[in-house]
Amino acid sequence: MLLQISFLEATTSAQILTAAFLAILFLQSGIDKIVDWKGNLSWLKGHFKKSPLEGMVPVLLGTITFFEVLAGLVSAVGMIMILVSGEVQIALMGAQLCALSLVMLFFGQRTAKDYEGAAVLVPYFILAVGAIFLFSAF
């Protein structure tokens, strides 16, 4: 059977939905940065104007964009692999890349002294770390 999944099985359903959520979250964020590069760069230059990262904004934007798109793509492939074969290793790598991306974003927000922006990232980070456990425990 090509499709080895039962949507009644709680763990598999949670794995698929979590990988899908992370894929959507990170692909949308990364693609938005690509599509509106100038707008994002302009906003971030102002955001980091009085921080030690001020002169590194273009490089940092490129770095976080790369990691967000990569995390989203790997999560999407991981979701497909769970659907097709029940294999979770790629989804695990996606969740790890998502958590790493969030750590980078959190560092930037804290460095810019945007404590509210940093706080918004916490639930996403909890989800990504939970996904790491979800994909590695089964």
N, C-alpha and C. Protein backbone atom coordinates (compact mmCIF):
# COMPACT_ATOMS: atom_id res chain seq x y z
N MET A 1 0.85 -1.18 0.00
CA MET A 1 0.00 0.00 0.00
C MET A 1 0.89 1.24 0.00
N LEU A 2 0.64 2.16 -0.90
CA LEU A 2 1.45 3.37 -1.03
C LEU A 2 1.24 4.32 0.14
N LEU A 3 0.02 4.49 0.56
CA LEU A 3 -0.29 5.43 1.63
C LEU A 3 -0.52 4.66 2.91
N GLN A 4 0.46 4.71 3.81
CA GLN A 4 0.40 3.95 5.05
C GLN A 4 0.07 4.88 6.21
N ILE A 5 -1.19 5.26 6.29
CA ILE A 5 -1.57 6.20 7.33
C ILE A 5 -3.01 5.98 7.74
N SER A 6 -3.26 6.19 8.99
CA SER A 6 -4.62 6.17 9.49
C SER A 6 -4.83 7.48 10.23
N PHE A 7 -5.77 8.26 9.75
CA PHE A 7 -6.00 9.55 10.40
C PHE A 7 -6.63 9.39 11.78
N LEU A 8 -6.99 8.17 12.12
CA LEU A 8 -7.50 7.91 13.46
C LEU A 8 -6.37 7.67 14.45
N GLU A 9 -5.16 7.42 13.93
CA GLU A 9 -4.02 7.19 14.80
C GLU A 9 -3.46 8.54 15.24
N ALA A 10 -3.50 8.79 16.53
CA ALA A 10 -3.21 10.12 17.07
C ALA A 10 -1.78 10.58 16.80
N THR A 11 -0.80 9.74 16.99
CA THR A 11 0.59 10.15 16.81
C THR A 11 0.86 10.54 15.37
N THR A 12 0.43 9.73 14.43
CA THR A 12 0.66 10.02 13.02
C THR A 12 -0.04 11.31 12.62
N SER A 13 -1.27 11.48 13.07
CA SER A 13 -2.00 12.71 12.76
C SER A 13 -1.28 13.93 13.33
N ALA A 14 -0.81 13.83 14.56
CA ALA A 14 -0.09 14.94 15.18
C ALA A 14 1.20 15.24 14.42
N GLN A 15 1.89 14.21 13.98
CA GLN A 15 3.14 14.41 13.24
C GLN A 15 2.87 15.12 11.91
N ILE A 16 1.88 14.66 11.18
CA ILE A 16 1.55 15.26 9.88
C ILE A 16 1.14 16.72 10.05
N LEU A 17 0.25 16.98 10.98
CA LEU A 17 -0.26 18.35 11.18
C LEU A 17 0.84 19.27 11.69
N THR A 18 1.71 18.79 12.55
CA THR A 18 2.80 19.61 13.06
C THR A 18 3.79 19.95 11.94
N ALA A 19 4.15 18.95 11.14
CA ALA A 19 5.06 19.21 10.02
C ALA A 19 4.43 20.18 9.04
N ALA A 20 3.14 20.04 8.78
CA ALA A 20 2.44 20.96 7.87
C ALA A 20 2.44 22.37 8.42
N PHE A 21 2.16 22.52 9.70
CA PHE A 21 2.14 23.84 10.34
C PHE A 21 3.51 24.51 10.22
N LEU A 22 4.56 23.77 10.54
CA LEU A 22 5.90 24.33 10.47
C LEU A 22 6.28 24.68 9.03
N ALA A 23 5.89 23.84 8.09
CA ALA A 23 6.18 24.12 6.68
C ALA A 23 5.52 25.41 6.25
N ILE A 24 4.25 25.57 6.57
CA ILE A 24 3.51 26.78 6.19
C ILE A 24 4.13 28.01 6.87
N LEU A 25 4.38 27.92 8.16
CA LEU A 25 4.93 29.04 8.92
C LEU A 25 6.25 29.53 8.34
N PHE A 26 7.17 28.61 8.09
CA PHE A 26 8.51 29.02 7.67
C PHE A 26 8.59 29.33 6.18
N LEU A 27 7.85 28.61 5.36
CA LEU A 27 7.84 28.95 3.93
C LEU A 27 7.22 30.33 3.71
N GLN A 28 6.11 30.61 4.37
CA GLN A 28 5.48 31.93 4.21
C GLN A 28 6.41 33.03 4.68
N SER A 29 7.05 32.84 5.82
CA SER A 29 7.94 33.87 6.35
C SER A 29 9.14 34.08 5.45
N GLY A 30 9.76 32.99 5.00
CA GLY A 30 10.93 33.11 4.14
C GLY A 30 10.58 33.69 2.77
N ILE A 31 9.48 33.23 2.19
CA ILE A 31 9.08 33.73 0.87
C ILE A 31 8.71 35.21 0.96
N ASP A 32 8.07 35.62 2.05
CA ASP A 32 7.75 37.04 2.24
C ASP A 32 9.03 37.88 2.25
N LYS A 33 10.06 37.37 2.88
CA LYS A 33 11.33 38.11 2.93
C LYS A 33 11.94 38.23 1.53
N ILE A 34 11.79 37.20 0.71
CA ILE A 34 12.30 37.24 -0.66
C ILE A 34 11.49 38.20 -1.51
N VAL A 35 10.17 38.08 -1.46
CA VAL A 35 9.28 38.89 -2.29
C VAL A 35 9.37 40.37 -1.93
N ASP A 36 9.48 40.66 -0.63
CA ASP A 36 9.56 42.06 -0.20
C ASP A 36 10.91 42.32 0.45
N TRP A 37 11.96 41.96 -0.25
CA TRP A 37 13.32 42.11 0.28
C TRP A 37 13.60 43.55 0.70
N LYS A 38 13.32 44.50 -0.19
CA LYS A 38 13.63 45.91 0.09
C LYS A 38 12.86 46.41 1.30
N GLY A 39 11.59 46.06 1.39
CA GLY A 39 10.78 46.50 2.53
C GLY A 39 11.28 45.90 3.83
N ASN A 40 11.58 44.62 3.82
CA ASN A 40 12.10 43.97 5.02
C ASN A 40 13.46 44.54 5.41
N LEU A 41 14.32 44.75 4.43
CA LEU A 41 15.64 45.30 4.71
C LEU A 41 15.53 46.70 5.30
N SER A 42 14.67 47.52 4.73
CA SER A 42 14.48 48.87 5.23
C SER A 42 13.98 48.86 6.68
N TRP A 43 12.98 48.03 6.93
CA TRP A 43 12.42 47.96 8.29
C TRP A 43 13.46 47.45 9.28
N LEU A 44 14.20 46.42 8.88
CA LEU A 44 15.19 45.85 9.79
C LEU A 44 16.36 46.79 10.05
N LYS A 45 16.75 47.58 9.06
CA LYS A 45 17.81 48.56 9.29
C LYS A 45 17.39 49.54 10.38
N GLY A 46 16.15 49.97 10.34
CA GLY A 46 15.64 50.85 11.40
C GLY A 46 15.54 50.13 12.73
N HIS A 47 15.11 48.88 12.68
CA HIS A 47 14.91 48.07 13.89
C HIS A 47 16.24 47.85 14.64
N PHE A 48 17.32 47.68 13.88
CA PHE A 48 18.63 47.39 14.48
C PHE A 48 19.55 48.61 14.51
N LYS A 49 18.98 49.79 14.29
CA LYS A 49 19.78 51.01 14.17
C LYS A 49 20.70 51.25 15.38
N LYS A 50 20.23 50.96 16.55
CA LYS A 50 21.05 51.23 17.75
C LYS A 50 21.51 49.94 18.42
N SER A 51 21.78 48.92 17.61
CA SER A 51 22.23 47.65 18.19
C SER A 51 23.60 47.29 17.60
N PRO A 52 24.29 46.36 18.23
CA PRO A 52 25.58 45.92 17.70
C PRO A 52 25.47 45.25 16.32
N LEU A 53 24.28 44.88 15.92
CA LEU A 53 24.08 44.19 14.64
C LEU A 53 23.79 45.16 13.49
N GLU A 54 23.81 46.45 13.78
CA GLU A 54 23.41 47.48 12.81
C GLU A 54 24.06 47.31 11.44
N GLY A 55 25.34 47.10 11.37
CA GLY A 55 26.04 47.02 10.09
C GLY A 55 25.93 45.67 9.40
N MET A 56 25.30 44.71 10.05
CA MET A 56 25.23 43.35 9.51
C MET A 56 23.85 42.98 8.99
N VAL A 57 22.93 43.91 8.96
CA VAL A 57 21.53 43.61 8.64
C VAL A 57 21.36 42.89 7.30
N PRO A 58 21.97 43.33 6.20
CA PRO A 58 21.76 42.62 4.93
C PRO A 58 22.22 41.15 4.99
N VAL A 59 23.36 40.89 5.60
CA VAL A 59 23.88 39.52 5.71
C VAL A 59 22.97 38.69 6.62
N LEU A 60 22.55 39.28 7.72
CA LEU A 60 21.68 38.56 8.65
C LEU A 60 20.32 38.27 8.02
N LEU A 61 19.78 39.22 7.26
CA LEU A 61 18.51 38.99 6.58
C LEU A 61 18.65 37.85 5.58
N GLY A 62 19.73 37.83 4.83
CA GLY A 62 19.97 36.73 3.90
C GLY A 62 20.09 35.39 4.60
N THR A 63 20.78 35.39 5.72
CA THR A 63 20.98 34.17 6.49
C THR A 63 19.66 33.63 7.02
N ILE A 64 18.87 34.49 7.65
CA ILE A 64 17.61 34.02 8.23
C ILE A 64 16.63 33.63 7.14
N THR A 65 16.67 34.33 6.01
CA THR A 65 15.80 33.96 4.89
C THR A 65 16.15 32.56 4.39
N PHE A 66 17.43 32.30 4.21
CA PHE A 66 17.88 30.98 3.78
C PHE A 66 17.40 29.90 4.74
N PHE A 67 17.62 30.11 6.04
CA PHE A 67 17.25 29.09 7.03
C PHE A 67 15.74 28.91 7.13
N GLU A 68 14.97 29.98 7.01
CA GLU A 68 13.51 29.84 7.06
C GLU A 68 12.98 29.05 5.87
N VAL A 69 13.47 29.37 4.68
CA VAL A 69 13.01 28.64 3.49
C VAL A 69 13.45 27.18 3.58
N LEU A 70 14.68 26.94 3.98
CA LEU A 70 15.17 25.57 4.13
C LEU A 70 14.34 24.80 5.16
N ALA A 71 14.09 25.42 6.31
CA ALA A 71 13.29 24.78 7.36
C ALA A 71 11.89 24.45 6.85
N GLY A 72 11.28 25.37 6.12
CA GLY A 72 9.95 25.14 5.58
C GLY A 72 9.93 24.03 4.54
N LEU A 73 10.91 24.04 3.64
CA LEU A 73 10.98 23.00 2.61
C LEU A 73 11.22 21.62 3.22
N VAL A 74 12.14 21.54 4.15
CA VAL A 74 12.44 20.25 4.78
C VAL A 74 11.23 19.76 5.57
N SER A 75 10.52 20.67 6.24
CA SER A 75 9.30 20.28 6.96
C SER A 75 8.23 19.78 6.00
N ALA A 76 8.09 20.43 4.85
CA ALA A 76 7.10 20.00 3.85
C ALA A 76 7.45 18.61 3.30
N VAL A 77 8.72 18.40 2.98
CA VAL A 77 9.14 17.07 2.51
C VAL A 77 8.94 16.04 3.62
N GLY A 78 9.24 16.44 4.85
CA GLY A 78 9.03 15.54 5.99
C GLY A 78 7.58 15.14 6.14
N MET A 79 6.67 16.09 5.96
CA MET A 79 5.24 15.78 6.03
C MET A 79 4.86 14.76 4.96
N ILE A 80 5.37 14.97 3.75
CA ILE A 80 5.08 14.04 2.65
C ILE A 80 5.63 12.65 2.97
N MET A 81 6.83 12.60 3.52
CA MET A 81 7.44 11.31 3.87
C MET A 81 6.62 10.57 4.94
N ILE A 82 6.08 11.30 5.88
CA ILE A 82 5.23 10.66 6.89
C ILE A 82 3.99 10.09 6.21
N LEU A 83 3.40 10.86 5.31
CA LEU A 83 2.20 10.40 4.60
C LEU A 83 2.47 9.16 3.76
N VAL A 84 3.59 9.17 3.06
CA VAL A 84 3.89 8.10 2.10
C VAL A 84 4.45 6.85 2.76
N SER A 85 5.36 7.03 3.71
CA SER A 85 6.06 5.86 4.25
C SER A 85 6.04 5.75 5.77
N GLY A 86 5.56 6.77 6.46
CA GLY A 86 5.60 6.76 7.92
C GLY A 86 6.95 7.17 8.48
N GLU A 87 7.91 7.48 7.62
CA GLU A 87 9.27 7.87 8.02
C GLU A 87 9.25 9.29 8.57
N VAL A 88 9.88 9.50 9.74
CA VAL A 88 9.84 10.82 10.39
C VAL A 88 11.19 11.54 10.43
N GLN A 89 12.25 10.93 9.92
CA GLN A 89 13.60 11.53 10.03
C GLN A 89 13.69 12.89 9.37
N ILE A 90 13.10 13.05 8.20
CA ILE A 90 13.19 14.34 7.50
C ILE A 90 12.36 15.39 8.25
N ALA A 91 11.20 14.99 8.75
CA ALA A 91 10.39 15.92 9.55
C ALA A 91 11.15 16.35 10.81
N LEU A 92 11.90 15.42 11.39
CA LEU A 92 12.72 15.75 12.56
C LEU A 92 13.77 16.80 12.18
N MET A 93 14.44 16.61 11.05
CA MET A 93 15.42 17.60 10.61
C MET A 93 14.74 18.95 10.36
N GLY A 94 13.54 18.93 9.79
CA GLY A 94 12.79 20.18 9.58
C GLY A 94 12.51 20.89 10.89
N ALA A 95 12.06 20.14 11.88
CA ALA A 95 11.76 20.75 13.19
C ALA A 95 13.02 21.32 13.82
N GLN A 96 14.14 20.63 13.66
CA GLN A 96 15.40 21.13 14.20
C GLN A 96 15.81 22.42 13.51
N LEU A 97 15.65 22.48 12.19
CA LEU A 97 15.96 23.71 11.46
C LEU A 97 15.02 24.85 11.86
N CYS A 98 13.76 24.52 12.10
CA CYS A 98 12.80 25.53 12.56
C CYS A 98 13.22 26.09 13.91
N ALA A 99 13.59 25.21 14.84
CA ALA A 99 14.02 25.67 16.16
C ALA A 99 15.28 26.52 16.05
N LEU A 100 16.22 26.12 15.21
CA LEU A 100 17.43 26.90 15.01
C LEU A 100 17.09 28.29 14.45
N SER A 101 16.22 28.34 13.48
CA SER A 101 15.80 29.62 12.90
C SER A 101 15.17 30.52 13.97
N LEU A 102 14.36 29.93 14.81
CA LEU A 102 13.72 30.71 15.88
C LEU A 102 14.73 31.22 16.89
N VAL A 103 15.75 30.44 17.18
CA VAL A 103 16.82 30.91 18.08
C VAL A 103 17.52 32.11 17.46
N MET A 104 17.78 32.05 16.14
CA MET A 104 18.40 33.19 15.45
C MET A 104 17.51 34.42 15.53
N LEU A 105 16.22 34.24 15.25
CA LEU A 105 15.29 35.37 15.32
C LEU A 105 15.20 35.93 16.74
N PHE A 106 15.15 35.03 17.73
CA PHE A 106 15.07 35.45 19.13
C PHE A 106 16.31 36.26 19.52
N PHE A 107 17.48 35.80 19.09
CA PHE A 107 18.72 36.53 19.36
C PHE A 107 18.64 37.94 18.78
N GLY A 108 18.17 38.04 17.55
CA GLY A 108 18.04 39.35 16.92
C GLY A 108 17.08 40.26 17.66
N GLN A 109 15.94 39.72 18.04
CA GLN A 109 14.95 40.54 18.74
C GLN A 109 15.48 41.01 20.10
N ARG A 110 16.11 40.13 20.81
CA ARG A 110 16.67 40.51 22.12
C ARG A 110 17.79 41.53 21.95
N THR A 111 18.64 41.35 20.95
CA THR A 111 19.74 42.28 20.70
C THR A 111 19.20 43.67 20.34
N ALA A 112 18.10 43.70 19.60
CA ALA A 112 17.48 44.97 19.23
C ALA A 112 16.64 45.55 20.38
N LYS A 113 16.60 44.84 21.49
CA LYS A 113 15.81 45.22 22.66
C LYS A 113 14.32 45.31 22.35
N ASP A 114 13.89 44.45 21.41
CA ASP A 114 12.47 44.32 21.08
C ASP A 114 11.94 43.12 21.88
N TYR A 115 11.67 43.37 23.15
CA TYR A 115 11.29 42.29 24.05
C TYR A 115 9.91 41.73 23.73
N GLU A 116 9.01 42.56 23.25
CA GLU A 116 7.69 42.07 22.83
C GLU A 116 7.83 41.16 21.62
N GLY A 117 8.62 41.57 20.65
CA GLY A 117 8.86 40.75 19.47
C GLY A 117 9.50 39.42 19.83
N ALA A 118 10.42 39.45 20.78
CA ALA A 118 11.07 38.21 21.23
C ALA A 118 10.05 37.31 21.91
N ALA A 119 9.17 37.88 22.70
CA ALA A 119 8.16 37.09 23.43
C ALA A 119 7.20 36.39 22.47
N VAL A 120 6.90 37.02 21.36
CA VAL A 120 5.99 36.43 20.37
C VAL A 120 6.57 35.13 19.80
N LEU A 121 7.88 35.01 19.77
CA LEU A 121 8.54 33.84 19.21
C LEU A 121 8.48 32.62 20.13
N VAL A 122 8.26 32.84 21.40
CA VAL A 122 8.32 31.74 22.38
C VAL A 122 7.34 30.61 22.08
N PRO A 123 6.06 30.88 21.79
CA PRO A 123 5.16 29.75 21.48
C PRO A 123 5.60 28.95 20.25
N TYR A 124 6.13 29.63 19.24
CA TYR A 124 6.62 28.93 18.06
C TYR A 124 7.82 28.05 18.43
N PHE A 125 8.69 28.55 19.29
CA PHE A 125 9.84 27.78 19.71
C PHE A 125 9.40 26.54 20.50
N ILE A 126 8.43 26.73 21.38
CA ILE A 126 7.90 25.59 22.15
C ILE A 126 7.34 24.54 21.20
N LEU A 127 6.61 24.98 20.18
CA LEU A 127 6.08 24.05 19.18
C LEU A 127 7.21 23.31 18.47
N ALA A 128 8.24 24.04 18.05
CA ALA A 128 9.34 23.41 17.32
C ALA A 128 10.07 22.39 18.19
N VAL A 129 10.30 22.72 19.45
CA VAL A 129 10.97 21.77 20.36
C VAL A 129 10.04 20.58 20.63
N GLY A 130 8.76 20.84 20.79
CA GLY A 130 7.80 19.75 20.95
C GLY A 130 7.80 18.84 19.72
N ALA A 131 7.92 19.44 18.54
CA ALA A 131 7.97 18.66 17.31
C ALA A 131 9.20 17.78 17.27
N ILE A 132 10.32 18.30 17.75
CA ILE A 132 11.54 17.49 17.81
C ILE A 132 11.28 16.23 18.63
N PHE A 133 10.63 16.39 19.78
CA PHE A 133 10.30 15.22 20.60
C PHE A 133 9.27 14.32 19.93
N LEU A 134 8.27 14.91 19.30
CA LEU A 134 7.22 14.16 18.63
C LEU A 134 7.80 13.29 17.51
N PHE A 135 8.76 13.84 16.78
CA PHE A 135 9.34 13.10 15.67
C PHE A 135 10.44 12.13 16.09
N SER A 136 10.99 12.31 17.29
CA SER A 136 12.08 11.42 17.71
C SER A 136 11.63 10.37 18.71
N ALA A 137 10.46 10.52 19.29
CA ALA A 137 10.00 9.58 20.31
C ALA A 137 9.30 8.38 19.71
N PHE A 138 8.98 8.40 18.43
CA PHE A 138 8.21 7.30 17.84
C PHE A 138 8.88 6.74 16.62
